[in-house]
Amino acid sequence: MAPPSLDHASIVMELQAVRRAGLLRLRGRELPALESAAACLAAARTREGAVEALLRRAVERLDAGTLRTAAEYTLGLAQGTRDWPASSRRARAAEAYRVSEERFRKHHEVMVLGQVAEHIVELVEGGGDEPGEGDWAGGTHRFVEVLAGDRAVRLTLHVHPVDLLRDVDVVVAPANTYFALPEPYKSSVSASLRRAASVRGVTGDLLDDPVHDELRKWAARHGTSGRPVVPGTVAATGSGALAEYGVRRIYHAAVAVPRAGTNDYDVLPADITRATSRALALLAEEHDRHTPALRSVCFPLLGSGRGGLAYRVSAAAVWSAVEAELARGARWDVHFVVRSAEAARVVERIPARTRPGRDRSAPGRSG
């Protein structure tokens, strides 16, 4: 049961206080309901950190799309927004719903914070996440040891938003065959990377959008501006502001084919495998062009968002190309990044030929 002080109305009121103050200004503020909920879940070591961790867990349970995006901006959870003033965060959240700031304040903001509050109550009453997610509580990284050919290789599995990746040389991002990036306020992998790579002023004004600009230059250079590329094509760009966090390149994998007359896409597992192979080949081409040399690459479950593929189908399509490359002797440091415990369990089940009884702590990371 939730603690006596934990009720929906109290949480909504305190979420409003968090919205006004921002994450950097929580110290000294009275947030008894949120602190009580965070304490029940042992969310973090410090008071402020515990509240932020609780908010992130609740927001991640929201449906991907406008609702989650608006919640991330409203509470300052979106990459680079924790120090934004409340007015700038509200303006960006309103963009997600394509409404005026005033309409968002009166209608959408109330709904968004109400949904976050509901998930906080559910988290506490359930003692954590959904059944079966307890293995992931309190941890965002795991190592999965697999056999690739006749040698052991250690994969790194991240369970957090893609824009929180650190010190991974290359991130593979899903793209449509026109290499048209989604708007940065969206919640997809590509939108998150575009947003995290951009440079913004203290009020959130866009100063530079390097990934978008580089991708347009790539299309112009290859004569594909305004027309689709072959599915499986991969375009490389820099990482913009993500470089300061150790992410140096973004490989845009064209796996989503827009369906004419709709907002939907068609994604084929064979195209995912082809794009994965091409991304690894591109990594080999660029390996020595950088100092230090590129060696690590991270894959999301391509096509499992708007593409509609099941996690297991996407994971199998990516892994078939990765395993083939590693089995041939490639020495890449391979990572996977997912948002949910369900997707994480699928990735953990990828390697059908894991050696039984092997010490999972043994060194196996290729380099």
Protein backbone atom coordinates (compact mmCIF):
# COMPACT_ATOMS: atom_id res chain seq x y z
CA MET A 1 0.00 0.00 0.00
CA ALA A 2 1.07 3.58 -0.55
CA PRO A 3 2.00 5.53 2.58
CA PRO A 4 -0.86 7.52 4.15
CA SER A 5 0.53 10.86 2.93
CA LEU A 6 0.75 9.63 -0.66
CA ASP A 7 -2.35 10.60 -2.56
CA HIS A 8 -2.80 11.71 -6.14
CA ALA A 9 -3.74 15.32 -5.36
CA SER A 10 -0.71 15.83 -3.12
CA ILE A 11 1.63 14.45 -5.76
CA VAL A 12 0.17 16.69 -8.47
CA MET A 13 0.66 19.75 -6.26
CA GLU A 14 4.28 18.83 -5.64
CA LEU A 15 4.85 18.10 -9.32
CA GLN A 16 3.67 21.65 -10.00
CA ALA A 17 6.28 22.86 -7.52
CA VAL A 18 8.98 20.84 -9.30
CA ARG A 19 7.83 22.27 -12.64
CA ARG A 20 8.14 25.83 -11.36
CA ALA A 21 11.47 25.34 -9.59
CA GLY A 22 13.30 23.01 -11.97
CA LEU A 23 15.49 20.08 -10.99
CA LEU A 24 18.46 22.26 -10.04
CA ARG A 25 16.46 24.20 -7.46
CA LEU A 26 14.86 21.44 -5.39
CA ARG A 27 17.15 21.81 -2.39
CA GLY A 28 15.27 23.22 0.59
CA ARG A 29 11.81 22.76 -0.92
CA GLU A 30 9.16 20.80 0.94
CA LEU A 31 8.14 17.77 -1.14
CA PRO A 32 6.88 15.27 1.47
CA ALA A 33 4.74 13.13 -0.87
CA LEU A 34 7.44 12.76 -3.53
CA GLU A 35 10.14 12.17 -0.91
CA SER A 36 7.98 9.51 0.73
CA ALA A 37 7.41 7.78 -2.60
CA ALA A 38 11.11 7.95 -3.48
CA ALA A 39 12.07 6.53 -0.09
CA CYS A 40 9.71 3.56 -0.61
CA LEU A 41 11.54 2.74 -3.84
CA ALA A 42 15.05 3.51 -2.58
CA ALA A 43 15.44 5.53 -5.74
CA ALA A 44 18.83 7.21 -5.06
CA ARG A 45 21.37 8.23 -2.42
CA THR A 46 20.45 11.91 -1.98
CA ARG A 47 17.08 13.52 -1.37
CA GLU A 48 17.10 15.52 -4.60
CA GLY A 49 18.55 12.61 -6.57
CA ALA A 50 15.89 10.28 -5.19
CA VAL A 51 13.08 12.58 -6.32
CA GLU A 52 14.59 12.97 -9.79
CA ALA A 53 15.06 9.20 -10.15
CA LEU A 54 11.43 8.68 -9.13
CA LEU A 55 10.23 11.20 -11.73
CA ARG A 56 12.29 9.55 -14.45
CA ARG A 57 10.88 6.10 -13.64
CA ALA A 58 7.33 7.42 -13.71
CA VAL A 59 7.78 9.38 -16.96
CA GLU A 60 9.40 6.40 -18.69
CA ARG A 61 6.17 4.46 -18.06
CA LEU A 62 4.17 6.96 -20.12
CA ASP A 63 3.30 6.10 -23.70
CA ALA A 64 6.07 7.11 -26.08
CA GLY A 65 5.06 10.14 -28.10
CA THR A 66 3.62 13.54 -27.25
CA LEU A 67 2.64 12.62 -23.68
CA ARG A 68 6.09 11.44 -22.62
CA THR A 69 7.84 14.21 -24.54
CA ALA A 70 5.69 16.91 -22.92
CA ALA A 71 6.29 15.41 -19.48
CA GLU A 72 10.07 15.35 -20.01
CA TYR A 73 10.13 19.02 -20.97
CA THR A 74 7.62 20.11 -18.32
CA LEU A 75 9.72 18.61 -15.50
CA GLY A 76 13.14 19.35 -16.99
CA LEU A 77 13.98 15.69 -17.60
CA ALA A 78 14.76 16.11 -21.31
CA GLN A 79 18.46 16.23 -22.11
CA GLY A 80 19.89 19.70 -21.52
CA THR A 81 16.76 21.22 -19.95
CA ARG A 82 17.33 20.77 -16.21
CA ASP A 83 18.54 24.40 -15.91
CA TRP A 84 15.91 25.93 -18.21
CA PRO A 85 13.41 28.37 -16.70
CA ALA A 86 9.87 27.06 -16.30
CA SER A 87 8.54 29.29 -19.08
CA SER A 88 10.99 27.87 -21.64
CA ARG A 89 10.18 24.30 -20.64
CA ARG A 90 6.46 24.99 -20.90
CA ALA A 91 6.90 26.54 -24.35
CA ARG A 92 8.76 23.49 -25.62
CA ALA A 93 6.18 21.11 -24.09
CA ALA A 94 3.42 23.07 -25.84
CA GLU A 95 5.22 22.53 -29.15
CA ALA A 96 4.87 18.78 -28.68
CA TYR A 97 1.08 19.17 -28.76
CA ARG A 98 1.18 21.99 -31.33
CA VAL A 99 -0.89 24.28 -29.12
CA SER A 100 -0.31 27.72 -27.60
CA GLU A 101 1.45 27.98 -24.26
CA GLU A 102 -1.73 29.28 -22.66
CA ARG A 103 -3.82 26.37 -23.90
CA PHE A 104 -1.14 23.94 -22.79
CA ARG A 105 -1.08 25.53 -19.32
CA LYS A 106 -4.83 25.30 -18.87
CA HIS A 107 -5.45 21.86 -20.33
CA HIS A 108 -2.54 19.68 -21.41
CA GLU A 109 -0.20 20.44 -18.50
CA VAL A 110 -2.84 19.38 -16.00
CA MET A 111 -3.35 16.12 -17.87
CA VAL A 112 0.40 15.46 -18.22
CA LEU A 113 1.17 15.97 -14.55
CA GLY A 114 -1.88 13.95 -13.58
CA GLN A 115 -0.61 11.02 -15.62
CA VAL A 116 2.84 11.25 -14.03
CA ALA A 117 1.22 11.30 -10.58
CA GLU A 118 -0.79 8.18 -11.39
CA HIS A 119 2.33 6.28 -12.35
CA ILE A 120 4.11 7.38 -9.17
CA VAL A 121 1.26 5.98 -7.10
CA GLU A 122 1.28 2.74 -9.12
CA LEU A 123 5.05 2.39 -8.71
CA VAL A 124 4.83 2.71 -4.93
CA GLU A 125 1.78 0.48 -4.56
CA GLY A 126 3.42 -2.14 -6.75
CA GLY A 127 6.73 -1.93 -4.93
CA GLY A 128 8.55 -0.97 -8.13
CA ASP A 129 7.96 -1.58 -11.80
CA GLU A 130 5.77 -4.15 -13.47
CA PRO A 131 6.12 -7.82 -12.51
CA GLY A 132 9.42 -9.20 -13.67
CA GLU A 133 11.21 -5.84 -13.77
CA GLY A 134 12.71 -6.17 -10.32
CA ASP A 135 15.97 -7.48 -11.73
CA TRP A 136 16.58 -4.05 -13.25
CA ALA A 137 15.64 -1.89 -10.26
CA GLY A 138 18.55 0.31 -9.25
CA GLY A 139 20.76 -0.58 -12.21
CA THR A 140 21.04 0.66 -15.77
CA HIS A 141 23.94 -1.42 -17.12
CA ARG A 142 24.67 -5.10 -17.50
CA PHE A 143 27.18 -7.25 -19.32
CA VAL A 144 26.04 -10.16 -21.45
CA GLU A 145 28.71 -12.71 -22.34
CA VAL A 146 28.16 -14.53 -25.61
CA LEU A 147 29.97 -16.80 -28.01
CA ALA A 148 30.75 -15.39 -31.43
CA GLY A 149 32.33 -18.15 -33.44
CA ASP A 150 34.68 -19.88 -31.03
CA ARG A 151 35.48 -16.95 -28.75
CA ALA A 152 33.73 -15.24 -25.87
CA VAL A 153 32.64 -11.64 -26.33
CA ARG A 154 31.11 -9.34 -23.75
CA LEU A 155 28.25 -7.07 -24.82
CA THR A 156 27.27 -4.03 -22.74
CA LEU A 157 23.54 -3.52 -22.24
CA HIS A 158 22.26 -0.05 -21.28
CA VAL A 159 18.72 0.45 -19.97
CA HIS A 160 18.14 4.18 -20.17
CA PRO A 161 17.37 6.89 -22.77
CA VAL A 162 19.83 6.96 -25.65
CA ASP A 163 20.86 10.55 -24.92
CA LEU A 164 22.34 9.42 -21.60
CA LEU A 165 25.00 7.30 -23.31
CA ARG A 166 28.53 8.21 -22.30
CA ASP A 167 31.93 7.26 -23.77
CA VAL A 168 30.61 5.17 -26.66
CA ASP A 169 32.33 6.18 -29.89
CA VAL A 170 29.49 5.51 -32.33
CA VAL A 171 25.72 5.40 -31.86
CA VAL A 172 23.53 3.90 -34.58
CA ALA A 173 20.26 5.80 -35.06
CA PRO A 174 17.24 4.57 -37.03
CA ALA A 175 16.21 6.80 -39.94
CA ASN A 176 13.69 6.81 -42.75
CA THR A 177 14.87 6.32 -46.31
CA TYR A 178 14.71 10.08 -46.98
CA PHE A 179 17.07 10.75 -44.06
CA ALA A 180 14.49 13.27 -42.83
CA LEU A 181 15.07 13.70 -39.11
CA PRO A 182 12.09 13.95 -36.73
CA GLU A 183 11.54 17.22 -34.91
CA PRO A 184 13.75 17.45 -31.81
CA TYR A 185 10.77 17.58 -29.43
CA LYS A 186 9.71 14.06 -30.43
CA SER A 187 10.53 11.04 -28.24
CA SER A 188 12.21 8.73 -30.77
CA VAL A 189 15.87 7.66 -30.69
CA SER A 190 16.72 9.90 -33.65
CA ALA A 191 14.90 12.90 -32.16
CA SER A 192 16.61 12.39 -28.81
CA LEU A 193 20.04 12.28 -30.43
CA ARG A 194 19.30 15.34 -32.56
CA ARG A 195 18.15 17.21 -29.46
CA ALA A 196 21.14 16.14 -27.37
CA ALA A 197 23.59 17.03 -30.16
CA SER A 198 22.18 20.53 -30.64
CA VAL A 199 23.56 23.67 -29.03
CA ARG A 200 21.10 25.88 -27.17
CA GLY A 201 21.26 29.13 -25.27
CA VAL A 202 20.38 29.57 -21.61
CA THR A 203 16.71 30.13 -22.49
CA GLY A 204 16.55 27.09 -24.75
CA ASP A 205 16.91 28.96 -28.04
CA LEU A 206 18.45 26.80 -30.77
CA LEU A 207 21.91 28.06 -31.69
CA ASP A 208 23.14 25.15 -33.79
CA ASP A 209 21.55 21.94 -35.15
CA PRO A 210 24.67 20.12 -36.40
CA VAL A 211 23.28 16.62 -36.96
CA HIS A 212 20.42 17.93 -39.09
CA ASP A 213 22.77 20.16 -41.07
CA GLU A 214 25.39 17.45 -41.64
CA LEU A 215 22.77 14.96 -42.78
CA ARG A 216 21.46 17.43 -45.35
CA LYS A 217 25.01 17.98 -46.62
CA TRP A 218 25.50 14.19 -46.85
CA ALA A 219 22.35 13.89 -48.98
CA ALA A 220 23.44 16.74 -51.24
CA ARG A 221 26.92 15.27 -51.64
CA HIS A 222 25.52 11.88 -52.63
CA GLY A 223 22.79 13.30 -54.87
CA THR A 224 19.90 11.98 -52.81
CA SER A 225 18.30 15.25 -51.65
CA GLY A 226 14.52 14.90 -51.82
CA ARG A 227 14.49 11.26 -52.88
CA PRO A 228 14.78 7.99 -50.93
CA VAL A 229 17.91 5.91 -50.59
CA VAL A 230 17.98 2.12 -50.73
CA PRO A 231 16.88 0.62 -47.39
CA GLY A 232 19.95 -0.40 -45.41
CA THR A 233 21.97 2.66 -46.43
CA VAL A 234 23.95 4.25 -43.59
CA ALA A 235 25.02 7.92 -43.41
CA ALA A 236 27.64 9.11 -40.92
CA THR A 237 27.61 12.48 -39.16
CA GLY A 238 29.34 14.07 -36.25
CA SER A 239 27.75 14.13 -32.82
CA GLY A 240 27.59 17.84 -32.05
CA ALA A 241 27.30 18.59 -28.34
CA LEU A 242 27.37 14.88 -27.52
CA ALA A 243 31.12 14.89 -28.23
CA GLU A 244 31.76 16.31 -24.76
CA TYR A 245 30.21 13.13 -23.35
CA GLY A 246 32.43 10.81 -25.39
CA VAL A 247 29.96 10.10 -28.22
CA ARG A 248 31.90 10.96 -31.39
CA ARG A 249 29.88 9.73 -34.37
CA ILE A 250 26.24 9.02 -35.24
CA TYR A 251 25.49 6.47 -37.96
CA HIS A 252 22.02 7.02 -39.41
CA ALA A 253 20.59 3.71 -40.62
CA ALA A 254 17.84 4.02 -43.24
CA VAL A 255 15.51 1.18 -42.24
CA ALA A 256 12.04 2.82 -42.25
CA VAL A 257 10.24 3.11 -45.59
CA PRO A 258 7.43 5.73 -45.43
CA ARG A 259 4.05 4.36 -46.47
CA ALA A 260 2.49 6.68 -49.06
CA GLY A 261 -0.47 8.73 -47.83
CA THR A 262 0.03 7.83 -44.16
CA ASN A 263 2.23 8.65 -41.18
CA ASP A 264 3.30 5.01 -40.94
CA TYR A 265 6.43 3.13 -41.96
CA ASP A 266 7.30 -0.32 -43.22
CA VAL A 267 10.39 -1.93 -41.71
CA LEU A 268 11.80 -5.27 -42.86
CA PRO A 269 14.15 -7.33 -40.65
CA ALA A 270 16.38 -7.95 -43.68
CA ASP A 271 16.91 -4.19 -44.06
CA ILE A 272 17.87 -3.94 -40.38
CA THR A 273 20.45 -6.69 -40.81
CA ARG A 274 21.80 -5.00 -43.94
CA ALA A 275 22.03 -1.63 -42.18
CA THR A 276 23.76 -3.19 -39.18
CA SER A 277 26.33 -4.82 -41.45
CA ARG A 278 26.88 -1.54 -43.25
CA ALA A 279 27.29 0.33 -39.94
CA LEU A 280 30.00 -2.10 -38.86
CA ALA A 281 31.72 -1.81 -42.24
CA LEU A 282 31.62 1.99 -41.92
CA LEU A 283 33.10 1.71 -38.45
CA ALA A 284 35.99 -0.27 -39.94
CA GLU A 285 36.48 2.38 -42.63
CA GLU A 286 36.53 5.24 -40.10
CA HIS A 287 38.41 3.38 -37.38
CA ASP A 288 41.84 4.95 -37.96
CA ARG A 289 40.61 8.36 -39.10
CA HIS A 290 40.06 9.46 -35.52
CA THR A 291 42.34 9.90 -32.54
CA PRO A 292 41.96 7.83 -30.50
CA ALA A 293 40.70 5.26 -32.98
CA LEU A 294 37.00 4.37 -32.95
CA ARG A 295 36.33 1.06 -31.23
CA SER A 296 32.89 1.04 -29.57
CA VAL A 297 29.44 1.06 -31.20
CA CYS A 298 25.94 1.08 -29.70
CA PHE A 299 22.75 -0.22 -31.31
CA PRO A 300 19.14 0.46 -30.29
CA LEU A 301 16.52 -2.11 -31.28
CA LEU A 302 16.08 -0.71 -34.77
CA GLY A 303 12.52 -0.66 -36.07
CA SER A 304 10.90 -1.46 -32.72
CA GLY A 305 9.42 2.04 -32.27
CA ARG A 306 7.32 3.57 -35.03
CA GLY A 307 8.44 0.70 -37.25
CA GLY A 308 6.28 -1.65 -35.18
CA LEU A 309 8.64 -4.63 -35.04
CA ALA A 310 8.55 -6.82 -31.94
CA TYR A 311 11.64 -6.46 -29.74
CA ARG A 312 12.70 -10.04 -30.42
CA VAL A 313 12.45 -9.57 -34.19
CA SER A 314 14.54 -6.40 -34.13
CA ALA A 315 17.09 -7.90 -31.74
CA ALA A 316 17.51 -11.00 -33.90
CA ALA A 317 17.94 -8.88 -37.04
CA VAL A 318 20.64 -6.70 -35.46
CA TRP A 319 22.40 -9.57 -33.72
CA SER A 320 22.70 -11.74 -36.84
CA ALA A 321 24.92 -9.08 -38.45
CA VAL A 322 26.84 -8.32 -35.26
CA GLU A 323 27.51 -11.99 -34.54
CA ALA A 324 28.73 -12.62 -38.08
CA GLU A 325 31.20 -9.74 -37.82
CA LEU A 326 32.47 -10.74 -34.40
CA ALA A 327 32.78 -14.38 -35.44
CA ARG A 328 35.09 -13.27 -38.26
CA GLY A 329 37.42 -11.80 -35.66
CA ALA A 330 36.29 -8.15 -35.47
CA ARG A 331 37.35 -6.56 -32.20
CA TRP A 332 34.60 -4.04 -31.65
CA ASP A 333 33.21 -3.13 -28.25
CA VAL A 334 29.47 -3.68 -28.86
CA HIS A 335 26.70 -2.04 -26.83
CA PHE A 336 22.90 -2.16 -26.94
CA VAL A 337 20.64 0.57 -25.54
CA VAL A 338 16.96 0.07 -24.66
CA ARG A 339 14.36 1.96 -22.63
CA SER A 340 12.47 -0.83 -20.86
CA ALA A 341 13.14 -3.94 -18.80
CA GLU A 342 11.09 -5.96 -21.28
CA ALA A 343 13.41 -4.96 -24.12
CA ALA A 344 16.44 -5.57 -21.91
CA ARG A 345 15.34 -9.15 -21.23
CA VAL A 346 14.98 -9.71 -24.97
CA VAL A 347 18.55 -8.53 -25.56
CA GLU A 348 19.78 -10.78 -22.76
CA ARG A 349 18.17 -13.73 -24.54
CA ILE A 350 19.76 -12.93 -27.91
CA PRO A 351 22.81 -15.16 -27.62
CA ALA A 352 21.44 -18.68 -28.11
CA ARG A 353 24.94 -20.11 -27.92
CA THR A 354 26.09 -18.65 -24.62
CA ARG A 355 28.54 -21.08 -23.03
CA PRO A 356 26.79 -22.86 -20.11
CA GLY A 357 28.27 -22.31 -16.68
CA ARG A 358 30.81 -19.73 -17.79
CA ASP A 359 31.89 -17.08 -15.27
CA ARG A 360 29.95 -13.97 -16.37
CA SER A 361 32.46 -11.71 -14.65
CA ALA A 362 35.38 -13.03 -16.71
CA PRO A 363 36.96 -10.48 -19.03
CA GLY A 364 35.61 -10.78 -22.53
CA ARG A 365 35.28 -7.27 -23.91
CA SER A 366 36.96 -7.20 -27.27
CA GLY A 367 39.39 -4.45 -28.01
